Amino acid sequence: MQNVVSFSTSTVSRQELGAILEDYLSIDRARVFRRLLVRRFGLLAIIVAIIAAVTHELSLFARWFPIGLFLAPPVWAWITELRLMRRLARRLDGVDGAVAHQLAQPARPRRA
């Protein structure tokens, strides 16, 4: 589901409105970046996990430490996205008359 927040622009200054829009855009950029990192580093982590399961000559640390290293960037991007969402929520809490709506996703048509 998608959340939409509406408020009257007369209740906020131009600087506050610009900051709110900037936060929305930075969250969107962070979300795209996180998704790219999850795909790419997740694939590398899966490959290393398969190699670690097959290779028994290396120590346990040498087999599993690279997996942790590959999973660190997506986790860092996720934490950054959460921080940006919290900052936007604090900004929107300060706006008088802000109303949040939750929209349902339309059903996707089935492909034949």
Protein backbone atom coordinates (compact mmCIF):
# COMPACT_ATOMS: atom_id res chain seq x y z
CA MET A 1 0.00 0.00 0.00
CA GLN A 2 1.03 3.52 -0.62
CA ASN A 3 0.83 6.36 1.90
CA VAL A 4 -0.11 9.86 0.79
CA VAL A 5 0.04 12.92 3.03
CA SER A 6 -1.98 15.98 2.12
CA PHE A 7 -1.94 19.44 3.65
CA SER A 8 -2.75 22.96 2.66
CA THR A 9 0.23 24.78 1.24
CA SER A 10 -0.90 27.97 2.94
CA THR A 11 -0.05 26.42 6.32
CA VAL A 12 3.67 26.02 5.50
CA SER A 13 6.30 28.43 4.28
CA ARG A 14 8.11 28.01 0.99
CA GLN A 15 11.25 26.85 2.80
CA GLU A 16 9.32 24.18 4.75
CA LEU A 17 7.58 22.97 1.60
CA GLY A 18 10.91 22.80 -0.22
CA ALA A 19 12.43 20.83 2.66
CA ILE A 20 9.49 18.38 2.66
CA LEU A 21 9.80 17.83 -1.09
CA GLU A 22 13.57 17.44 -0.75
CA ASP A 23 13.03 14.76 1.89
CA TYR A 24 10.58 12.90 -0.34
CA LEU A 25 13.07 12.93 -3.21
CA SER A 26 15.96 11.82 -1.02
CA ILE A 27 13.88 8.89 0.31
CA ASP A 28 13.03 7.87 -3.24
CA ARG A 29 16.69 8.00 -4.29
CA ALA A 30 17.74 6.04 -1.22
CA ARG A 31 15.07 3.40 -1.94
CA VAL A 32 16.27 2.94 -5.52
CA PHE A 33 19.89 2.77 -4.38
CA ARG A 34 19.02 0.20 -1.67
CA ARG A 35 17.18 -2.00 -4.16
CA LEU A 36 20.17 -1.96 -6.50
CA LEU A 37 22.52 -2.84 -3.65
CA VAL A 38 20.29 -5.69 -2.47
CA ARG A 39 20.22 -7.23 -5.93
CA ARG A 40 23.90 -6.92 -6.67
CA PHE A 41 25.43 -7.64 -3.28
CA GLY A 42 22.78 -10.28 -2.53
CA LEU A 43 23.82 -12.15 -5.65
CA LEU A 44 27.47 -11.93 -4.61
CA ALA A 45 26.61 -13.13 -1.09
CA ILE A 46 24.71 -16.12 -2.51
CA ILE A 47 27.65 -17.03 -4.74
CA VAL A 48 30.07 -16.78 -1.82
CA ALA A 49 27.72 -18.82 0.39
CA ILE A 50 27.65 -21.59 -2.22
CA ILE A 51 31.44 -21.52 -2.45
CA ALA A 52 31.68 -21.55 1.37
CA ALA A 53 29.39 -24.57 1.56
CA VAL A 54 31.52 -26.47 -0.95
CA THR A 55 34.97 -25.37 0.23
CA HIS A 56 36.06 -26.90 3.52
CA GLU A 57 39.78 -26.09 3.38
CA LEU A 58 39.24 -22.55 4.65
CA SER A 59 38.51 -21.66 8.26
CA LEU A 60 34.96 -20.92 9.34
CA PHE A 61 35.80 -17.23 9.65
CA ALA A 62 37.32 -17.10 6.16
CA ARG A 63 34.22 -18.74 4.70
CA TRP A 64 31.55 -16.56 6.35
CA PHE A 65 33.24 -13.17 6.81
CA PRO A 66 32.94 -12.21 3.09
CA ILE A 67 29.20 -12.90 3.23
CA GLY A 68 28.89 -10.40 6.07
CA LEU A 69 30.93 -7.89 4.10
CA PHE A 70 28.67 -8.30 1.06
CA LEU A 71 25.54 -7.85 3.16
CA ALA A 72 26.82 -4.72 4.96
CA PRO A 73 26.16 -2.18 2.13
CA PRO A 74 22.46 -3.10 1.68
CA VAL A 75 21.95 -2.97 5.45
CA TRP A 76 23.66 0.43 5.57
CA ALA A 77 21.40 1.70 2.76
CA TRP A 78 18.32 0.36 4.57
CA ILE A 79 19.33 2.15 7.80
CA THR A 80 19.87 5.35 5.82
CA GLU A 81 16.43 5.01 4.24
CA LEU A 82 14.84 4.52 7.68
CA ARG A 83 16.66 7.59 9.00
CA LEU A 84 15.37 9.69 6.09
CA MET A 85 11.83 8.41 6.59
CA ARG A 86 11.98 9.33 10.28
CA ARG A 87 13.21 12.83 9.40
CA LEU A 88 10.33 13.29 6.95
CA ALA A 89 7.84 12.03 9.54
CA ARG A 90 9.13 14.57 12.07
CA ARG A 91 8.80 17.33 9.48
CA LEU A 92 5.26 16.30 8.60
CA ASP A 93 4.29 16.11 12.28
CA GLY A 94 5.14 19.80 12.53
CA VAL A 95 2.70 20.72 9.75
CA ASP A 96 -0.75 21.79 10.94
CA GLY A 97 -3.64 20.05 9.19
CA ALA A 98 -1.57 17.27 7.60
CA VAL A 99 -3.74 14.23 6.85
CA ALA A 100 -2.34 10.81 5.93
CA HIS A 101 -4.19 8.55 3.50
CA GLN A 102 -3.41 4.94 2.70
CA LEU A 103 -4.08 3.93 -0.90
CA ALA A 104 -4.63 0.37 -2.02
CA GLN A 105 -2.64 -0.82 -5.02
CA PRO A 106 -4.76 -1.51 -8.08
CA ALA A 107 -4.82 -5.10 -9.24
CA ARG A 108 -2.40 -5.75 -12.08
CA PRO A 109 -3.99 -7.21 -15.19
CA ARG A 110 -2.99 -10.78 -15.92
CA ARG A 111 -0.88 -11.28 -18.99
CA ALA A 112 -2.03 -13.86 -21.46
